[in-house]
Amino acid sequence: MKPYRHVSLSPVELATLEEGHKNGSRSHFRTRCHSLVLSHRGMKVSEISSLYGKHEETVRSWMDNWE
């Protein structure tokens, strides 16, 4: 089992990602934005991966690429 992983966002980052989720032109971009927001709000990697039908490692890579 991988250790708990989440993203901490500043208010500006949160607003930027929420805007990307709402208005992004590509679905994969909106998915990544929303996943980071959900992580910031306390959702586990396993829950995010289940929500979007992605592997947990994929979700973790989104977090790594953000940071």
Protein backbone atom coordinates (compact mmCIF):
# COMPACT_ATOMS: atom_id res chain seq x y z
CA MET A 1 0.00 0.00 0.00
CA LYS A 2 1.31 3.41 -0.97
CA PRO A 3 1.44 6.11 1.70
CA TYR A 4 -1.34 8.66 1.87
CA ARG A 5 -0.84 11.28 -0.80
CA HIS A 6 -2.58 14.59 -1.31
CA VAL A 7 -1.98 18.02 -2.78
CA SER A 8 -2.05 21.23 -0.77
CA LEU A 9 -3.08 24.22 -2.84
CA SER A 10 -2.84 27.93 -2.26
CA PRO A 11 -6.01 29.97 -2.76
CA VAL A 12 -4.71 31.15 -6.15
CA GLU A 13 -3.84 27.61 -7.25
CA LEU A 14 -7.25 26.37 -6.12
CA ALA A 15 -9.03 29.10 -8.07
CA THR A 16 -6.91 28.38 -11.16
CA LEU A 17 -7.66 24.65 -11.04
CA GLU A 18 -11.37 25.22 -10.42
CA GLU A 19 -11.43 27.50 -13.47
CA GLY A 20 -9.59 24.84 -15.50
CA HIS A 21 -12.07 22.20 -14.41
CA LYS A 22 -15.01 24.39 -15.33
CA ASN A 23 -13.76 25.90 -18.59
CA GLY A 24 -10.90 23.75 -19.90
CA SER A 25 -11.21 22.93 -23.59
CA ARG A 26 -10.02 19.31 -23.26
CA SER A 27 -11.63 16.64 -21.11
CA HIS A 28 -8.34 15.17 -19.84
CA PHE A 29 -7.27 18.65 -18.70
CA ARG A 30 -10.56 19.14 -16.83
CA THR A 31 -10.15 15.70 -15.24
CA ARG A 32 -6.64 16.49 -14.01
CA CYS A 33 -7.70 19.86 -12.63
CA HIS A 34 -10.66 18.34 -10.79
CA SER A 35 -8.54 15.49 -9.43
CA LEU A 36 -6.09 17.94 -7.88
CA VAL A 37 -8.95 19.94 -6.35
CA LEU A 38 -10.50 16.76 -4.94
CA SER A 39 -7.16 15.74 -3.45
CA HIS A 40 -6.80 19.17 -1.85
CA ARG A 41 -10.27 18.70 -0.34
CA GLY A 42 -9.25 15.38 1.23
CA MET A 43 -10.26 12.72 -1.27
CA LYS A 44 -7.90 9.73 -1.37
CA VAL A 45 -5.97 8.71 -4.47
CA SER A 46 -7.91 5.43 -4.58
CA GLU A 47 -11.22 7.32 -4.55
CA ILE A 48 -10.11 9.70 -7.30
CA SER A 49 -8.82 6.85 -9.44
CA SER A 50 -12.12 4.99 -9.03
CA LEU A 51 -14.12 8.10 -9.88
CA TYR A 52 -12.29 8.61 -13.15
CA GLY A 53 -11.45 4.98 -13.99
CA LYS A 54 -7.70 5.63 -13.89
CA HIS A 55 -4.87 3.74 -12.20
CA GLU A 56 -3.75 5.10 -8.86
CA GLU A 57 -0.25 5.62 -10.26
CA THR A 58 -1.74 7.85 -12.96
CA VAL A 59 -3.42 10.03 -10.35
CA ARG A 60 -0.19 10.17 -8.33
CA SER A 61 1.72 11.23 -11.44
CA TRP A 62 -0.73 14.12 -11.94
CA MET A 63 0.05 15.21 -8.37
CA ASP A 64 3.80 14.84 -8.90
CA ASN A 65 3.66 16.82 -12.13
CA TRP A 66 1.70 19.61 -10.42
CA GLU A 67 4.21 19.95 -7.63
